[in-house]
Amino acid sequence: MESNRKVMVGRVTSTKMQKTVVVEIELKRAHPLYRKVVRKAKSFLAHDEEEQCHEGDMVRIEETRPLSHRKRWKVIEIIK
């Protein structure tokens, strides 16, 4: 079965919380008028049950039910 949950890849920027990591996703979009590529970064809080992630890791996160006030993502795998 195919799930309709969003999946994104980003870099871990903070592991200072228990079972939670901050993942920064970098979006690249062309400017609507000037067509120059503009980088925009957005941060998400993700659940890391085993606390295996370290700062600088590339991880894949998946959308999930609300786990806390701001945490709505969970770490699926550590890419590198």
PDB file of N, CA and C in Angstrom:
ATOM      1  N   MET A   1       0.824  -1.193   0.000  1.00  0.00           N
ATOM      2  CA  MET A   1       0.000   0.000   0.000  1.00  0.00           C
ATOM      3  C   MET A   1       0.862   1.249   0.000  1.00  0.00           C
ATOM      4  N   GLU A   2       0.471   2.195  -0.791  1.00  0.00           N
ATOM      5  CA  GLU A   2       1.189   3.465  -0.901  1.00  0.00           C
ATOM      6  C   GLU A   2       0.594   4.450   0.095  1.00  0.00           C
ATOM      7  N   SER A   3       1.441   5.043   0.942  1.00  0.00           N
ATOM      8  CA  SER A   3       0.943   6.030   1.899  1.00  0.00           C
ATOM      9  C   SER A   3       0.991   7.421   1.275  1.00  0.00           C
ATOM     10  N   ASN A   4       0.147   8.287   1.766  1.00  0.00           N
ATOM     11  CA  ASN A   4       0.081   9.652   1.252  1.00  0.00           C
ATOM     12  C   ASN A   4       0.880  10.622   2.106  1.00  0.00           C
ATOM     13  N   ARG A   5       1.774  10.102   2.947  1.00  0.00           N
ATOM     14  CA  ARG A   5       2.557  10.959   3.827  1.00  0.00           C
ATOM     15  C   ARG A   5       3.724  11.580   3.088  1.00  0.00           C
ATOM     16  N   LYS A   6       4.005  12.844   3.417  1.00  0.00           N
ATOM     17  CA  LYS A   6       5.121  13.544   2.787  1.00  0.00           C
ATOM     18  C   LYS A   6       6.440  13.001   3.322  1.00  0.00           C
ATOM     19  N   VAL A   7       7.432  12.926   2.450  1.00  0.00           N
ATOM     20  CA  VAL A   7       8.781  12.494   2.828  1.00  0.00           C
ATOM     21  C   VAL A   7       9.756  13.543   2.317  1.00  0.00           C
ATOM     22  N   MET A   8      10.686  13.966   3.199  1.00  0.00           N
ATOM     23  CA  MET A   8      11.678  14.969   2.814  1.00  0.00           C
ATOM     24  C   MET A   8      13.064  14.549   3.309  1.00  0.00           C
ATOM     25  N   VAL A   9      14.093  15.108   2.668  1.00  0.00           N
ATOM     26  CA  VAL A   9      15.477  14.829   3.050  1.00  0.00           C
ATOM     27  C   VAL A   9      16.097  16.139   3.510  1.00  0.00           C
ATOM     28  N   GLY A  10      16.785  16.082   4.664  1.00  0.00           N
ATOM     29  CA  GLY A  10      17.407  17.289   5.191  1.00  0.00           C
ATOM     30  C   GLY A  10      18.590  16.967   6.084  1.00  0.00           C
ATOM     31  N   ARG A  11      19.203  18.023   6.609  1.00  0.00           N
ATOM     32  CA  ARG A  11      20.398  17.892   7.449  1.00  0.00           C
ATOM     33  C   ARG A  11      20.030  18.196   8.899  1.00  0.00           C
ATOM     34  N   VAL A  12      20.545  17.366   9.815  1.00  0.00           N
ATOM     35  CA  VAL A  12      20.307  17.558  11.245  1.00  0.00           C
ATOM     36  C   VAL A  12      21.152  18.741  11.723  1.00  0.00           C
ATOM     37  N   THR A  13      20.506  19.726  12.353  1.00  0.00           N
ATOM     38  CA  THR A  13      21.224  20.903  12.839  1.00  0.00           C
ATOM     39  C   THR A  13      21.331  20.942  14.354  1.00  0.00           C
ATOM     40  N   SER A  14      20.480  20.186  15.066  1.00  0.00           N
ATOM     41  CA  SER A  14      20.544  20.190  16.528  1.00  0.00           C
ATOM     42  C   SER A  14      20.020  18.874  17.077  1.00  0.00           C
ATOM     43  N   THR A  15      20.717  18.372  18.127  1.00  0.00           N
ATOM     44  CA  THR A  15      20.278  17.145  18.810  1.00  0.00           C
ATOM     45  C   THR A  15      20.226  17.383  20.315  1.00  0.00           C
ATOM     46  N   LYS A  16      19.941  18.593  20.729  1.00  0.00           N
ATOM     47  CA  LYS A  16      20.016  18.957  22.137  1.00  0.00           C
ATOM     48  C   LYS A  16      18.804  18.530  22.955  1.00  0.00           C
ATOM     49  N   MET A  17      17.740  18.094  22.299  1.00  0.00           N
ATOM     50  CA  MET A  17      16.548  17.643  23.007  1.00  0.00           C
ATOM     51  C   MET A  17      16.535  16.121  23.088  1.00  0.00           C
ATOM     52  N   GLN A  18      15.776  15.591  24.026  1.00  0.00           N
ATOM     53  CA  GLN A  18      15.666  14.139  24.159  1.00  0.00           C
ATOM     54  C   GLN A  18      14.699  13.610  23.114  1.00  0.00           C
ATOM     55  N   LYS A  19      15.146  12.628  22.331  1.00  0.00           N
ATOM     56  CA  LYS A  19      14.341  11.947  21.305  1.00  0.00           C
ATOM     57  C   LYS A  19      13.798  12.899  20.243  1.00  0.00           C
ATOM     58  N   THR A  20      14.422  14.062  20.083  1.00  0.00           N
ATOM     59  CA  THR A  20      13.988  15.038  19.089  1.00  0.00           C
ATOM     60  C   THR A  20      15.207  15.633  18.406  1.00  0.00           C
ATOM     61  N   VAL A  21      15.119  15.795  17.086  1.00  0.00           N
ATOM     62  CA  VAL A  21      16.187  16.451  16.338  1.00  0.00           C
ATOM     63  C   VAL A  21      15.575  17.578  15.510  1.00  0.00           C
ATOM     64  N   VAL A  22      16.382  18.589  15.236  1.00  0.00           N
ATOM     65  CA  VAL A  22      15.962  19.675  14.352  1.00  0.00           C
ATOM     66  C   VAL A  22      16.557  19.382  12.987  1.00  0.00           C
ATOM     67  N   VAL A  23      15.696  19.279  11.975  1.00  0.00           N
ATOM     68  CA  VAL A  23      16.126  18.966  10.618  1.00  0.00           C
ATOM     69  C   VAL A  23      15.863  20.186   9.749  1.00  0.00           C
ATOM     70  N   GLU A  24      16.912  20.646   9.033  1.00  0.00           N
ATOM     71  CA  GLU A  24      16.782  21.799   8.148  1.00  0.00           C
ATOM     72  C   GLU A  24      16.659  21.315   6.713  1.00  0.00           C
ATOM     73  N   ILE A  25      15.580  21.702   6.056  1.00  0.00           N
ATOM     74  CA  ILE A  25      15.331  21.366   4.662  1.00  0.00           C
ATOM     75  C   ILE A  25      15.662  22.592   3.823  1.00  0.00           C
ATOM     76  N   GLU A  26      16.466  22.415   2.785  1.00  0.00           N
ATOM     77  CA  GLU A  26      16.817  23.528   1.914  1.00  0.00           C
ATOM     78  C   GLU A  26      16.006  23.419   0.624  1.00  0.00           C
ATOM     79  N   LEU A  27      15.219  24.446   0.358  1.00  0.00           N
ATOM     80  CA  LEU A  27      14.377  24.481  -0.834  1.00  0.00           C
ATOM     81  C   LEU A  27      15.024  25.408  -1.861  1.00  0.00           C
ATOM     82  N   LYS A  28      15.057  24.995  -3.098  1.00  0.00           N
ATOM     83  CA  LYS A  28      15.595  25.833  -4.173  1.00  0.00           C
ATOM     84  C   LYS A  28      14.469  26.099  -5.166  1.00  0.00           C
ATOM     85  N   ARG A  29      14.158  27.355  -5.359  1.00  0.00           N
ATOM     86  CA  ARG A  29      13.078  27.764  -6.252  1.00  0.00           C
ATOM     87  C   ARG A  29      13.571  28.869  -7.177  1.00  0.00           C
ATOM     88  N   ALA A  30      13.044  28.902  -8.371  1.00  0.00           N
ATOM     89  CA  ALA A  30      13.354  29.995  -9.286  1.00  0.00           C
ATOM     90  C   ALA A  30      12.486  31.195  -8.914  1.00  0.00           C
ATOM     91  N   HIS A  31      13.095  32.373  -8.883  1.00  0.00           N
ATOM     92  CA  HIS A  31      12.353  33.591  -8.589  1.00  0.00           C
ATOM     93  C   HIS A  31      11.315  33.806  -9.683  1.00  0.00           C
ATOM     94  N   PRO A  32      10.076  34.144  -9.329  1.00  0.00           N
ATOM     95  CA  PRO A  32       9.025  34.235 -10.349  1.00  0.00           C
ATOM     96  C   PRO A  32       9.273  35.274 -11.443  1.00  0.00           C
ATOM     97  N   LEU A  33       9.956  36.370 -11.115  1.00  0.00           N
ATOM     98  CA  LEU A  33      10.204  37.408 -12.115  1.00  0.00           C
ATOM     99  C   LEU A  33      11.599  37.306 -12.724  1.00  0.00           C
ATOM    100  N   TYR A  34      12.626  37.138 -11.874  1.00  0.00           N
ATOM    101  CA  TYR A  34      13.999  37.218 -12.354  1.00  0.00           C
ATOM    102  C   TYR A  34      14.614  35.869 -12.731  1.00  0.00           C
ATOM    103  N   ARG A  35      13.945  34.771 -12.395  1.00  0.00           N
ATOM    104  CA  ARG A  35      14.384  33.413 -12.759  1.00  0.00           C
ATOM    105  C   ARG A  35      15.701  32.984 -12.120  1.00  0.00           C
ATOM    106  N   LYS A  36      16.209  33.769 -11.167  1.00  0.00           N
ATOM    107  CA  LYS A  36      17.406  33.350 -10.445  1.00  0.00           C
ATOM    108  C   LYS A  36      16.997  32.329  -9.383  1.00  0.00           C
ATOM    109  N   VAL A  37      17.845  31.327  -9.159  1.00  0.00           N
ATOM    110  CA  VAL A  37      17.537  30.308  -8.160  1.00  0.00           C
ATOM    111  C   VAL A  37      17.765  30.895  -6.768  1.00  0.00           C
ATOM    112  N   VAL A  38      16.728  30.816  -5.944  1.00  0.00           N
ATOM    113  CA  VAL A  38      16.771  31.355  -4.597  1.00  0.00           C
ATOM    114  C   VAL A  38      16.706  30.193  -3.612  1.00  0.00           C
ATOM    115  N   ARG A  39      17.634  30.179  -2.646  1.00  0.00           N
ATOM    116  CA  ARG A  39      17.635  29.122  -1.628  1.00  0.00           C
ATOM    117  C   ARG A  39      16.868  29.605  -0.407  1.00  0.00           C
ATOM    118  N   LYS A  40      16.044  28.715   0.126  1.00  0.00           N
ATOM    119  CA  LYS A  40      15.281  29.026   1.323  1.00  0.00           C
ATOM    120  C   LYS A  40      15.370  27.820   2.250  1.00  0.00           C
ATOM    121  N   ALA A  41      15.656  28.051   3.514  1.00  0.00           N
ATOM    122  CA  ALA A  41      15.784  26.964   4.477  1.00  0.00           C
ATOM    123  C   ALA A  41      14.599  26.987   5.436  1.00  0.00           C
ATOM    124  N   LYS A  42      14.113  25.784   5.773  1.00  0.00           N
ATOM    125  CA  LYS A  42      13.016  25.655   6.719  1.00  0.00           C
ATOM    126  C   LYS A  42      13.359  24.543   7.688  1.00  0.00           C
ATOM    127  N   SER A  43      13.068  24.754   8.967  1.00  0.00           N
ATOM    128  CA  SER A  43      13.414  23.777   9.993  1.00  0.00           C
ATOM    129  C   SER A  43      12.179  23.033  10.477  1.00  0.00           C
ATOM    130  N   PHE A  44      12.348  21.750  10.760  1.00  0.00           N
ATOM    131  CA  PHE A  44      11.287  20.908  11.279  1.00  0.00           C
ATOM    132  C   PHE A  44      11.809  20.149  12.487  1.00  0.00           C
ATOM    133  N   LEU A  45      10.949  19.913  13.471  1.00  0.00           N
ATOM    134  CA  LEU A  45      11.288  19.058  14.589  1.00  0.00           C
ATOM    135  C   LEU A  45      10.850  17.644  14.235  1.00  0.00           C
ATOM    136  N   ALA A  46      11.747  16.677  14.401  1.00  0.00           N
ATOM    137  CA  ALA A  46      11.456  15.294  14.050  1.00  0.00           C
ATOM    138  C   ALA A  46      11.748  14.375  15.231  1.00  0.00           C
ATOM    139  N   HIS A  47      10.954  13.328  15.340  1.00  0.00           N
ATOM    140  CA  HIS A  47      11.099  12.355  16.429  1.00  0.00           C
ATOM    141  C   HIS A  47      12.183  11.346  16.076  1.00  0.00           C
ATOM    142  N   ASP A  48      13.144  11.165  16.982  1.00  0.00           N
ATOM    143  CA  ASP A  48      14.238  10.206  16.806  1.00  0.00           C
ATOM    144  C   ASP A  48      14.228   9.282  18.022  1.00  0.00           C
ATOM    145  N   GLU A  49      13.491   8.175  17.926  1.00  0.00           N
ATOM    146  CA  GLU A  49      13.250   7.294  19.074  1.00  0.00           C
ATOM    147  C   GLU A  49      14.529   6.737  19.675  1.00  0.00           C
ATOM    148  N   GLU A  50      15.458   6.236  18.846  1.00  0.00           N
ATOM    149  CA  GLU A  50      16.680   5.607  19.357  1.00  0.00           C
ATOM    150  C   GLU A  50      17.812   6.600  19.610  1.00  0.00           C
ATOM    151  N   GLU A  51      17.602   7.872  19.293  1.00  0.00           N
ATOM    152  CA  GLU A  51      18.615   8.918  19.436  1.00  0.00           C
ATOM    153  C   GLU A  51      19.912   8.557  18.716  1.00  0.00           C
ATOM    154  N   GLN A  52      19.793   8.113  17.468  1.00  0.00           N
ATOM    155  CA  GLN A  52      20.947   7.715  16.666  1.00  0.00           C
ATOM    156  C   GLN A  52      21.510   8.851  15.831  1.00  0.00           C
ATOM    157  N   CYS A  53      20.752   9.902  15.616  1.00  0.00           N
ATOM    158  CA  CYS A  53      21.186  11.004  14.754  1.00  0.00           C
ATOM    159  C   CYS A  53      22.215  11.878  15.461  1.00  0.00           C
ATOM    160  N   HIS A  54      23.135  12.412  14.661  1.00  0.00           N
ATOM    161  CA  HIS A  54      24.129  13.365  15.144  1.00  0.00           C
ATOM    162  C   HIS A  54      24.071  14.604  14.256  1.00  0.00           C
ATOM    163  N   GLU A  55      24.601  15.705  14.745  1.00  0.00           N
ATOM    164  CA  GLU A  55      24.594  16.935  13.956  1.00  0.00           C
ATOM    165  C   GLU A  55      25.375  16.734  12.664  1.00  0.00           C
ATOM    166  N   GLY A  56      24.814  17.206  11.546  1.00  0.00           N
ATOM    167  CA  GLY A  56      25.460  17.074  10.254  1.00  0.00           C
ATOM    168  C   GLY A  56      24.984  15.877   9.449  1.00  0.00           C
ATOM    169  N   ASP A  57      24.241  14.952  10.059  1.00  0.00           N
ATOM    170  CA  ASP A  57      23.730  13.776   9.337  1.00  0.00           C
ATOM    171  C   ASP A  57      22.669  14.191   8.332  1.00  0.00           C
ATOM    172  N   MET A  58      22.644  13.495   7.200  1.00  0.00           N
ATOM    173  CA  MET A  58      21.552  13.641   6.244  1.00  0.00           C
ATOM    174  C   MET A  58      20.520  12.581   6.598  1.00  0.00           C
ATOM    175  N   VAL A  59      19.270  13.007   6.800  1.00  0.00           N
ATOM    176  CA  VAL A  59      18.225  12.077   7.212  1.00  0.00           C
ATOM    177  C   VAL A  59      16.995  12.231   6.330  1.00  0.00           C
ATOM    178  N   ARG A  60      16.199  11.177   6.288  1.00  0.00           N
ATOM    179  CA  ARG A  60      14.916  11.188   5.589  1.00  0.00           C
ATOM    180  C   ARG A  60      13.837  11.231   6.670  1.00  0.00           C
ATOM    181  N   ILE A  61      12.939  12.216   6.587  1.00  0.00           N
ATOM    182  CA  ILE A  61      11.875  12.343   7.578  1.00  0.00           C
ATOM    183  C   ILE A  61      10.521  12.152   6.904  1.00  0.00           C
ATOM    184  N   GLU A  62       9.552  11.665   7.685  1.00  0.00           N
ATOM    185  CA  GLU A  62       8.215  11.389   7.174  1.00  0.00           C
ATOM    186  C   GLU A  62       7.191  12.066   8.070  1.00  0.00           C
ATOM    187  N   GLU A  63       6.135  12.551   7.449  1.00  0.00           N
ATOM    188  CA  GLU A  63       5.053  13.195   8.167  1.00  0.00           C
ATOM    189  C   GLU A  63       4.333  12.168   9.040  1.00  0.00           C
ATOM    190  N   THR A  64       3.916  12.581  10.223  1.00  0.00           N
ATOM    191  CA  THR A  64       3.204  11.681  11.121  1.00  0.00           C
ATOM    192  C   THR A  64       2.183  12.473  11.923  1.00  0.00           C
ATOM    193  N   ARG A  65       1.483  11.789  12.814  1.00  0.00           N
ATOM    194  CA  ARG A  65       0.499  12.474  13.658  1.00  0.00           C
ATOM    195  C   ARG A  65       1.223  13.433  14.600  1.00  0.00           C
ATOM    196  N   PRO A  66       0.531  14.433  15.146  1.00  0.00           N
ATOM    197  CA  PRO A  66       1.195  15.350  16.071  1.00  0.00           C
ATOM    198  C   PRO A  66       1.713  14.622  17.309  1.00  0.00           C
ATOM    199  N   LEU A  67       3.021  14.753  17.569  1.00  0.00           N
ATOM    200  CA  LEU A  67       3.632  14.112  18.725  1.00  0.00           C
ATOM    201  C   LEU A  67       3.825  15.097  19.872  1.00  0.00           C
ATOM    202  N   SER A  68       3.878  16.380  19.569  1.00  0.00           N
ATOM    203  CA  SER A  68       3.959  17.438  20.581  1.00  0.00           C
ATOM    204  C   SER A  68       3.479  18.724  19.913  1.00  0.00           C
ATOM    205  N   HIS A  69       3.721  19.842  20.579  1.00  0.00           N
ATOM    206  CA  HIS A  69       3.231  21.126  20.067  1.00  0.00           C
ATOM    207  C   HIS A  69       3.757  21.434  18.660  1.00  0.00           C
ATOM    208  N   ARG A  70       5.065  21.197  18.419  1.00  0.00           N
ATOM    209  CA  ARG A  70       5.661  21.509  17.111  1.00  0.00           C
ATOM    210  C   ARG A  70       6.158  20.294  16.354  1.00  0.00           C
ATOM    211  N   LYS A  71       6.141  19.128  16.974  1.00  0.00           N
ATOM    212  CA  LYS A  71       6.754  17.935  16.367  1.00  0.00           C
ATOM    213  C   LYS A  71       5.712  17.132  15.600  1.00  0.00           C
ATOM    214  N   ARG A  72       5.841  17.119  14.243  1.00  0.00           N
ATOM    215  CA  ARG A  72       4.906  16.399  13.395  1.00  0.00           C
ATOM    216  C   ARG A  72       5.614  15.512  12.372  1.00  0.00           C
ATOM    217  N   TRP A  73       6.894  15.247  12.591  1.00  0.00           N
ATOM    218  CA  TRP A  73       7.692  14.442  11.672  1.00  0.00           C
ATOM    219  C   TRP A  73       8.448  13.381  12.458  1.00  0.00           C
ATOM    220  N   LYS A  74       8.841  12.296  11.794  1.00  0.00           N
ATOM    221  CA  LYS A  74       9.676  11.292  12.435  1.00  0.00           C
ATOM    222  C   LYS A  74      10.799  10.896  11.474  1.00  0.00           C
ATOM    223  N   VAL A  75      11.937  10.523  12.040  1.00  0.00           N
ATOM    224  CA  VAL A  75      13.099  10.125  11.240  1.00  0.00           C
ATOM    225  C   VAL A  75      12.873   8.690  10.765  1.00  0.00           C
ATOM    226  N   ILE A  76      12.936   8.469   9.438  1.00  0.00           N
ATOM    227  CA  ILE A  76      12.780   7.130   8.880  1.00  0.00           C
ATOM    228  C   ILE A  76      14.141   6.447   8.799  1.00  0.00           C
ATOM    229  N   GLU A  77      15.126   7.166   8.223  1.00  0.00           N
ATOM    230  CA  GLU A  77      16.455   6.577   8.070  1.00  0.00           C
ATOM    231  C   GLU A  77      17.514   7.655   8.050  1.00  0.00           C
ATOM    232  N   ILE A  78      18.722   7.243   8.400  1.00  0.00           N
ATOM    233  CA  ILE A  78      19.884   8.118   8.318  1.00  0.00           C
ATOM    234  C   ILE A  78      20.600   7.785   7.012  1.00  0.00           C
ATOM    235  N   ILE A  79      20.711   8.752   6.112  1.00  0.00           N
ATOM    236  CA  ILE A  79      21.308   8.509   4.798  1.00  0.00           C
ATOM    237  C   ILE A  79      22.826   8.476   4.909  1.00  0.00           C
ATOM    238  N   LYS A  80      23.422   9.509   5.540  1.00  0.00           N
ATOM    239  CA  LYS A  80      24.875   9.500   5.798  1.00  0.00           C
ATOM    240  C   LYS A  80      25.233  10.488   6.859  1.00  0.00           C
TER     241      LYS A  80
END
